[in-house]
Amino acid sequence: MKLICEGLDLSDAVLKVIRATAVRTTNPILEGIKLHADEDKLTLSATDLEISIEKTIDADVKIPGDVVVPGKFFADFVKKLSNEQIELSLTNEHSLKIKYTDSEGYLQCLSAEEFPVIKEISAPEKLTLTKNNLKELIDKTIFSVAVDDARPILKGCLFEIDNGMVTAVALDGYRLAMVKMPAECTVQKTSFIIPARCLGEISKLVEASDDPIDVLIGEKHIFLSDGTTKIMTRLIEGEFINYHQVIPNSTTTTITINKAQLEDGLERASLLARMDKNNLVKFDIRDKVLTLTSASNIGNVTENITISLEGKDLQIAFNARYLSDCMHTISDEFIKINFTSSIAPCTICSADDDKYLYLILPVRIVE
């Protein structure tokens, strides 16, 4: 193998695919990045068997070939050569020569034959939506995914496709996030569960734009491609929780509130709430005012926010972080919060449409 490429292109590609290398593994090949040179293209690939990332850049290929380089060292090395033109050549089966300006280095490599084959999905269904909508689906739900191993199925997001709409759902036993987006799909109705870690990498790798992106849906994997970058992730097998049963069917109290005012009030109240092990913020809803209170051993905070109220007065308490996480993802000026009782979950939604819904379990108030 022998080729010449631009250092900036190589550095950018390496920093993308390095995300898929294994961190702690007994198989050294999974810590590496595969280089495949052919037809004026250099393709870099990495996988930890859960997620695979492939990036293709332009190169002047003199001799085609394949090799696997140590991922972390190669990434650290080439990112310091982003302003140089780089020549890569195999001097023997396991040694890569890296030449730049009047300098050069040698890197011991692994055989490409040992690298896992990244298979294409056969006869997949296809989901098409804009890159912005895909990123929004991920970013507005992923924070509600479970982080412990007690229920592995909840460590992923459920994606449901139904008649031109895709719904993403995540829950961890204390809260739920649900977001809907329009999409085109070759199947009217289907569902699958993507691991949260893979979704996080997809959101970082997919550039924000209104350009369409195809998601190919296989039996055990999904595959995304935007032309130069390809991502494949495994799916979580099993039955997701019937989240429809968790969402209340009726409400006794509904408030409409300025989202920015609520978020600012929560941030100030949380400064004290975080010092308490329960991270508790209390809501006192009366007439046209929501009173937020928090307290710890060093003091207390009271915030009064004007609201529009439908229904009964109510006192209820929440983990402040769960509320703040929701607020950070919402861009609407006004939101609705629906309550049933002081011990039942509340739901947060747009004041204008049903594009998203967040559900949070309250904390029992001990007087």
Protein backbone atom coordinates (compact mmCIF):
# COMPACT_ATOMS: atom_id res chain seq x y z
CA MET A 1 0.00 0.00 0.00
CA LYS A 2 1.20 3.48 -0.86
CA LEU A 3 -0.74 6.75 -1.03
CA ILE A 4 -0.58 10.53 -0.57
CA CYS A 5 -3.36 12.49 1.16
CA GLU A 6 -3.96 15.81 2.87
CA GLY A 7 -3.29 15.84 6.61
CA LEU A 8 -6.45 17.82 7.37
CA ASP A 9 -8.65 15.29 5.57
CA LEU A 10 -6.91 12.36 7.27
CA SER A 11 -7.09 13.96 10.71
CA ASP A 12 -10.80 14.72 10.32
CA ALA A 13 -11.54 11.16 9.21
CA VAL A 14 -9.51 9.58 12.02
CA LEU A 15 -11.24 11.69 14.68
CA LYS A 16 -14.61 10.46 13.37
CA VAL A 17 -13.88 6.74 13.19
CA ILE A 18 -11.87 6.59 16.44
CA ARG A 19 -15.22 6.90 18.25
CA ALA A 20 -16.04 3.32 17.26
CA THR A 21 -12.84 1.71 18.55
CA ALA A 22 -13.08 -0.46 21.66
CA VAL A 23 -11.70 1.09 24.85
CA ARG A 24 -11.27 -1.99 27.03
CA THR A 25 -11.01 -5.25 25.12
CA THR A 26 -9.04 -8.47 25.04
CA ASN A 27 -8.95 -8.28 21.23
CA PRO A 28 -6.33 -5.69 20.09
CA ILE A 29 -7.76 -5.57 16.55
CA LEU A 30 -10.86 -3.77 17.92
CA GLU A 31 -8.62 -0.95 19.18
CA GLY A 32 -7.34 -0.38 15.65
CA ILE A 33 -8.40 1.58 12.57
CA LYS A 34 -8.42 -0.21 9.24
CA LEU A 35 -6.98 1.69 6.26
CA HIS A 36 -8.17 0.56 2.83
CA ALA A 37 -6.61 2.30 -0.19
CA ASP A 38 -8.07 1.80 -3.65
CA GLU A 39 -9.14 3.87 -6.71
CA ASP A 40 -8.00 7.29 -5.46
CA LYS A 41 -9.84 6.82 -2.17
CA LEU A 42 -8.71 6.03 1.35
CA THR A 43 -11.37 4.44 3.55
CA LEU A 44 -10.92 4.34 7.32
CA SER A 45 -13.00 1.90 9.41
CA ALA A 46 -13.37 1.10 13.10
CA THR A 47 -15.71 -1.08 15.12
CA ASP A 48 -16.24 -2.39 18.64
CA LEU A 49 -18.85 -4.88 17.31
CA GLU A 50 -21.69 -2.67 18.63
CA ILE A 51 -21.11 0.34 16.39
CA SER A 52 -19.07 0.62 13.17
CA ILE A 53 -17.97 3.88 11.55
CA GLU A 54 -16.48 4.24 8.08
CA LYS A 55 -15.14 7.44 6.52
CA THR A 56 -13.82 7.87 2.95
CA ILE A 57 -11.45 10.65 1.82
CA ASP A 58 -9.71 11.53 -1.45
CA ALA A 59 -6.16 10.23 -1.87
CA ASP A 60 -3.56 9.74 -4.58
CA VAL A 61 -3.28 5.94 -4.38
CA LYS A 62 -0.05 4.62 -5.90
CA ILE A 63 -0.41 1.04 -4.62
CA PRO A 64 -3.74 -0.24 -3.26
CA GLY A 65 -3.77 -2.22 -0.04
CA ASP A 66 -5.08 -2.69 3.51
CA VAL A 67 -3.64 -2.46 7.01
CA VAL A 68 -4.85 -1.92 10.60
CA VAL A 69 -3.09 0.81 12.60
CA PRO A 70 -3.19 1.29 16.41
CA GLY A 71 -6.18 3.61 16.76
CA LYS A 72 -5.29 5.92 19.66
CA PHE A 73 -1.65 6.46 18.69
CA PHE A 74 -2.47 7.00 15.02
CA ALA A 75 -5.19 9.52 15.93
CA ASP A 76 -2.89 11.43 18.29
CA PHE A 77 -0.11 11.45 15.70
CA VAL A 78 -2.00 12.55 12.57
CA LYS A 79 -3.99 15.30 14.29
CA LYS A 80 -0.63 17.09 14.75
CA LEU A 81 -0.06 16.86 10.99
CA SER A 82 -3.25 18.56 9.83
CA ASN A 83 -1.30 21.23 7.92
CA GLU A 84 0.94 18.76 6.10
CA GLN A 85 0.68 16.52 3.07
CA ILE A 86 1.17 12.94 4.23
CA GLU A 87 2.52 9.89 2.46
CA LEU A 88 1.54 6.49 3.88
CA SER A 89 3.30 3.35 2.67
CA LEU A 90 3.70 -0.21 3.88
CA THR A 91 7.39 -1.11 4.07
CA ASN A 92 6.54 -4.70 4.95
CA GLU A 93 3.44 -6.59 6.05
CA HIS A 94 3.29 -5.00 9.54
CA SER A 95 5.14 -1.67 9.31
CA LEU A 96 3.59 1.59 8.06
CA LYS A 97 5.84 4.47 7.05
CA ILE A 98 4.37 7.93 7.66
CA LYS A 99 6.26 10.60 5.69
CA TYR A 100 5.61 14.35 6.00
CA THR A 101 7.78 17.27 4.79
CA ASP A 102 11.37 16.07 5.43
CA SER A 103 10.44 13.83 8.34
CA GLU A 104 9.10 10.32 8.73
CA GLY A 105 7.91 7.81 11.30
CA TYR A 106 7.25 4.08 11.40
CA LEU A 107 4.28 2.37 12.99
CA GLN A 108 3.86 -1.31 13.81
CA CYS A 109 0.49 -2.49 12.50
CA LEU A 110 -1.83 -5.49 12.46
CA SER A 111 -3.02 -7.57 9.52
CA ALA A 112 -6.26 -6.37 7.91
CA GLU A 113 -7.34 -10.01 7.54
CA GLU A 114 -8.05 -10.12 11.28
CA PHE A 115 -10.34 -7.06 11.17
CA PRO A 116 -14.08 -7.85 11.51
CA VAL A 117 -16.02 -7.69 8.26
CA ILE A 118 -18.62 -4.90 8.31
CA LYS A 119 -21.50 -6.50 6.46
CA GLU A 120 -24.05 -4.62 4.41
CA ILE A 121 -27.68 -5.01 5.47
CA SER A 122 -29.54 -7.31 3.09
CA ALA A 123 -33.06 -6.42 1.89
CA PRO A 124 -33.57 -3.62 4.45
CA GLU A 125 -36.49 -1.32 5.02
CA LYS A 126 -35.59 2.35 4.50
CA LEU A 127 -36.44 5.37 6.64
CA THR A 128 -35.72 8.84 5.21
CA LEU A 129 -35.79 12.07 7.21
CA THR A 130 -33.76 15.27 7.39
CA LYS A 131 -30.50 15.32 9.33
CA ASN A 132 -31.87 18.04 11.60
CA ASN A 133 -34.94 15.96 12.42
CA LEU A 134 -32.80 12.89 13.13
CA LYS A 135 -30.55 14.88 15.48
CA GLU A 136 -33.59 16.39 17.20
CA LEU A 137 -35.17 12.97 17.74
CA ILE A 138 -31.97 11.80 19.41
CA ASP A 139 -31.03 14.88 21.41
CA LYS A 140 -34.53 15.40 22.84
CA THR A 141 -34.89 11.83 24.13
CA ILE A 142 -31.47 10.33 24.85
CA PHE A 143 -31.12 11.96 28.27
CA SER A 144 -34.02 9.83 29.57
CA VAL A 145 -32.36 6.50 28.75
CA ALA A 146 -31.56 4.22 31.71
CA VAL A 147 -27.87 4.07 32.63
CA ASP A 148 -27.82 0.97 34.87
CA ASP A 149 -27.90 -2.66 33.76
CA ALA A 150 -30.99 -3.69 35.73
CA ARG A 151 -33.18 -3.54 32.60
CA PRO A 152 -30.95 -3.65 29.50
CA ILE A 153 -33.89 -2.94 27.17
CA LEU A 154 -34.14 0.58 28.69
CA LYS A 155 -30.52 1.41 27.76
CA GLY A 156 -31.78 2.19 24.27
CA CYS A 157 -34.35 4.41 22.54
CA LEU A 158 -37.42 2.90 20.93
CA PHE A 159 -38.13 4.11 17.39
CA GLU A 160 -41.66 3.51 16.12
CA ILE A 161 -42.68 4.13 12.50
CA ASP A 162 -46.36 4.51 11.76
CA ASN A 163 -47.86 6.01 8.58
CA GLY A 164 -45.25 8.65 7.83
CA MET A 165 -44.34 9.53 11.42
CA VAL A 166 -41.37 8.32 13.45
CA THR A 167 -41.65 8.44 17.25
CA ALA A 168 -38.61 8.16 19.52
CA VAL A 169 -39.21 7.09 23.13
CA ALA A 170 -36.82 6.74 26.08
CA LEU A 171 -37.54 6.06 29.75
CA ASP A 172 -35.59 5.08 32.85
CA GLY A 173 -38.31 4.30 35.40
CA TYR A 174 -38.51 7.87 36.74
CA ARG A 175 -39.17 9.85 33.56
CA LEU A 176 -40.11 9.43 29.93
CA ALA A 177 -39.27 11.41 26.78
CA MET A 178 -41.24 11.10 23.53
CA VAL A 179 -40.67 13.08 20.32
CA LYS A 180 -42.39 12.79 16.91
CA MET A 181 -41.06 13.73 13.47
CA PRO A 182 -42.36 13.31 9.90
CA ALA A 183 -40.49 10.76 7.79
CA GLU A 184 -40.73 8.61 4.70
CA CYS A 185 -40.51 4.86 5.08
CA THR A 186 -40.83 1.85 2.80
CA VAL A 187 -42.86 0.06 5.49
CA GLN A 188 -46.02 1.48 7.05
CA LYS A 189 -45.43 0.18 10.56
CA THR A 190 -42.34 -1.13 12.36
CA SER A 191 -40.24 -0.54 15.48
CA PHE A 192 -36.67 -1.08 16.69
CA ILE A 193 -34.46 -0.18 19.68
CA ILE A 194 -31.08 1.56 19.24
CA PRO A 195 -28.49 1.60 22.08
CA ALA A 196 -28.11 5.07 23.60
CA ARG A 197 -24.34 5.08 23.18
CA CYS A 198 -24.71 4.49 19.43
CA LEU A 199 -27.32 7.24 19.16
CA GLY A 200 -24.97 9.68 20.89
CA GLU A 201 -22.27 8.97 18.32
CA ILE A 202 -24.75 9.29 15.42
CA SER A 203 -25.85 12.72 16.68
CA LYS A 204 -22.22 13.90 16.87
CA LEU A 205 -21.29 12.54 13.44
CA VAL A 206 -24.33 13.69 11.45
CA GLU A 207 -23.95 17.35 10.45
CA ALA A 208 -26.85 19.70 11.10
CA SER A 209 -28.67 20.48 7.84
CA ASP A 210 -31.99 20.05 6.06
CA ASP A 211 -30.45 17.47 3.73
CA PRO A 212 -32.12 14.04 3.79
CA ILE A 213 -30.45 11.00 5.31
CA ASP A 214 -31.40 7.36 4.78
CA VAL A 215 -31.61 4.91 7.65
CA LEU A 216 -31.57 1.30 6.44
CA ILE A 217 -33.31 -1.01 8.91
CA GLY A 218 -32.20 -4.61 9.13
CA GLU A 219 -33.25 -7.41 11.44
CA LYS A 220 -30.41 -6.84 13.93
CA HIS A 221 -28.68 -3.66 12.69
CA ILE A 222 -29.35 -0.23 11.20
CA PHE A 223 -27.14 1.48 8.64
CA LEU A 224 -26.78 5.22 7.93
CA SER A 225 -24.86 6.89 5.12
CA ASP A 226 -24.45 10.48 3.92
CA GLY A 227 -22.08 9.67 1.06
CA THR A 228 -18.66 9.83 2.73
CA THR A 229 -19.51 8.67 6.26
CA LYS A 230 -21.18 5.34 7.02
CA ILE A 231 -22.43 4.24 10.43
CA MET A 232 -23.75 0.82 11.38
CA THR A 233 -25.08 -0.02 14.84
CA ARG A 234 -26.55 -3.14 16.34
CA LEU A 235 -30.11 -3.11 17.64
CA ILE A 236 -31.20 -4.16 21.11
CA GLU A 237 -33.31 -7.30 20.91
CA GLY A 238 -36.39 -7.72 23.08
CA GLU A 239 -39.76 -6.16 23.84
CA PHE A 240 -39.83 -2.52 24.91
CA ILE A 241 -42.08 -1.43 27.76
CA ASN A 242 -45.64 -0.48 26.79
CA TYR A 243 -45.10 3.21 27.47
CA HIS A 244 -48.68 4.12 26.52
CA GLN A 245 -49.84 2.65 29.85
CA VAL A 246 -47.59 5.05 31.75
CA ILE A 247 -48.99 8.25 30.23
CA PRO A 248 -52.03 9.59 32.17
CA ASN A 249 -55.32 9.69 30.25
CA SER A 250 -56.82 12.59 32.22
CA THR A 251 -55.71 15.68 34.12
CA THR A 252 -57.13 17.74 36.98
CA THR A 253 -54.69 20.67 36.76
CA THR A 254 -53.10 22.24 33.69
CA ILE A 255 -50.78 25.23 33.69
CA THR A 256 -49.42 27.20 30.73
CA ILE A 257 -46.11 28.84 31.56
CA ASN A 258 -43.27 30.75 29.92
CA LYS A 259 -40.60 28.11 29.41
CA ALA A 260 -37.63 30.49 29.85
CA GLN A 261 -38.99 31.83 33.15
CA LEU A 262 -39.54 28.30 34.47
CA GLU A 263 -36.08 27.19 33.36
CA ASP A 264 -34.40 30.20 34.99
CA GLY A 265 -36.37 29.67 38.20
CA LEU A 266 -35.42 25.99 38.27
CA GLU A 267 -31.74 26.83 37.77
CA ARG A 268 -31.72 29.17 40.75
CA ALA A 269 -33.74 26.80 42.94
CA SER A 270 -31.49 23.92 41.93
CA LEU A 271 -28.45 25.65 43.39
CA LEU A 272 -29.79 24.81 46.84
CA ALA A 273 -31.68 21.65 45.85
CA ARG A 274 -28.46 19.98 44.66
CA MET A 275 -27.05 20.20 48.19
CA ASP A 276 -29.88 18.01 49.45
CA LYS A 277 -29.70 14.28 48.66
CA ASN A 278 -33.22 14.33 47.12
CA ASN A 279 -32.49 17.36 44.89
CA LEU A 280 -36.05 18.44 45.66
CA VAL A 281 -38.00 21.38 44.21
CA LYS A 282 -41.58 21.97 45.35
CA PHE A 283 -44.38 23.38 43.17
CA ASP A 284 -47.22 25.29 44.83
CA ILE A 285 -49.87 26.10 42.18
CA ARG A 286 -52.51 28.62 43.23
CA ASP A 287 -54.60 31.07 41.22
CA LYS A 288 -52.28 32.56 38.58
CA VAL A 289 -48.95 31.90 40.28
CA LEU A 290 -46.54 28.95 40.43
CA THR A 291 -44.33 29.17 43.52
CA LEU A 292 -41.08 27.18 43.34
CA THR A 293 -39.30 26.47 46.62
CA SER A 294 -36.13 24.64 47.54
CA ALA A 295 -34.23 24.39 50.79
CA SER A 296 -31.06 22.99 52.31
CA ASN A 297 -29.12 23.42 55.53
CA ILE A 298 -27.64 26.69 54.26
CA GLY A 299 -30.84 28.47 53.22
CA ASN A 300 -33.90 28.45 50.95
CA VAL A 301 -35.10 29.91 47.66
CA THR A 302 -38.61 30.97 46.62
CA GLU A 303 -39.47 31.80 42.99
CA ASN A 304 -42.88 33.15 41.88
CA ILE A 305 -43.84 32.74 38.21
CA THR A 306 -47.03 33.95 36.55
CA ILE A 307 -49.07 31.16 34.92
CA SER A 308 -52.38 30.43 33.26
CA LEU A 309 -54.24 27.84 35.34
CA GLU A 310 -57.01 25.44 34.38
CA GLY A 311 -58.37 23.22 37.13
CA LYS A 312 -57.48 22.75 40.80
CA ASP A 313 -54.76 24.20 43.00
CA LEU A 314 -51.98 21.70 43.67
CA GLN A 315 -48.82 21.05 45.67
CA ILE A 316 -46.27 18.63 44.21
CA ALA A 317 -42.50 18.05 44.29
CA PHE A 318 -39.93 16.81 41.75
CA ASN A 319 -36.27 15.98 41.35
CA ALA A 320 -34.98 19.30 40.01
CA ARG A 321 -32.53 17.68 37.58
CA TYR A 322 -35.29 15.78 35.77
CA LEU A 323 -37.19 19.02 35.16
CA SER A 324 -34.07 20.92 34.06
CA ASP A 325 -33.10 18.16 31.61
CA CYS A 326 -36.48 18.57 29.88
CA MET A 327 -36.26 22.36 29.80
CA HIS A 328 -32.84 22.26 28.10
CA THR A 329 -34.30 20.41 25.09
CA ILE A 330 -37.41 22.57 24.59
CA SER A 331 -37.28 25.64 22.34
CA ASP A 332 -40.95 26.71 22.60
CA GLU A 333 -41.80 30.03 24.23
CA PHE A 334 -44.71 28.55 26.19
CA ILE A 335 -45.31 25.01 27.45
CA LYS A 336 -48.16 23.14 29.13
CA ILE A 337 -47.72 21.05 32.27
CA ASN A 338 -50.52 18.63 33.11
CA PHE A 339 -51.08 17.17 36.59
CA THR A 340 -53.44 14.52 37.96
CA SER A 341 -52.50 14.51 41.66
CA SER A 342 -49.57 15.18 43.98
CA ILE A 343 -48.43 11.53 43.72
CA ALA A 344 -49.07 10.92 39.98
CA PRO A 345 -46.67 11.77 37.16
CA CYS A 346 -46.95 15.08 35.34
CA THR A 347 -46.62 15.53 31.58
CA ILE A 348 -44.91 18.44 29.82
CA CYS A 349 -45.85 19.27 26.23
CA SER A 350 -45.99 22.11 23.73
CA ALA A 351 -48.70 24.70 24.12
CA ASP A 352 -49.28 24.52 20.34
CA ASP A 353 -48.86 20.92 19.11
CA ASP A 354 -48.12 17.33 20.12
CA LYS A 355 -44.58 17.17 18.73
CA TYR A 356 -43.10 16.12 22.06
CA LEU A 357 -44.14 14.89 25.50
CA TYR A 358 -42.12 14.49 28.68
CA LEU A 359 -43.34 12.62 31.75
CA ILE A 360 -41.79 12.92 35.23
CA LEU A 361 -42.64 11.03 38.40
CA PRO A 362 -43.05 13.26 41.48
CA VAL A 363 -41.33 12.88 44.83
CA ARG A 364 -43.62 12.33 47.81
CA ILE A 365 -43.66 15.33 50.14
CA VAL A 366 -43.14 14.38 53.78
CA GLU A 367 -44.46 17.15 55.99
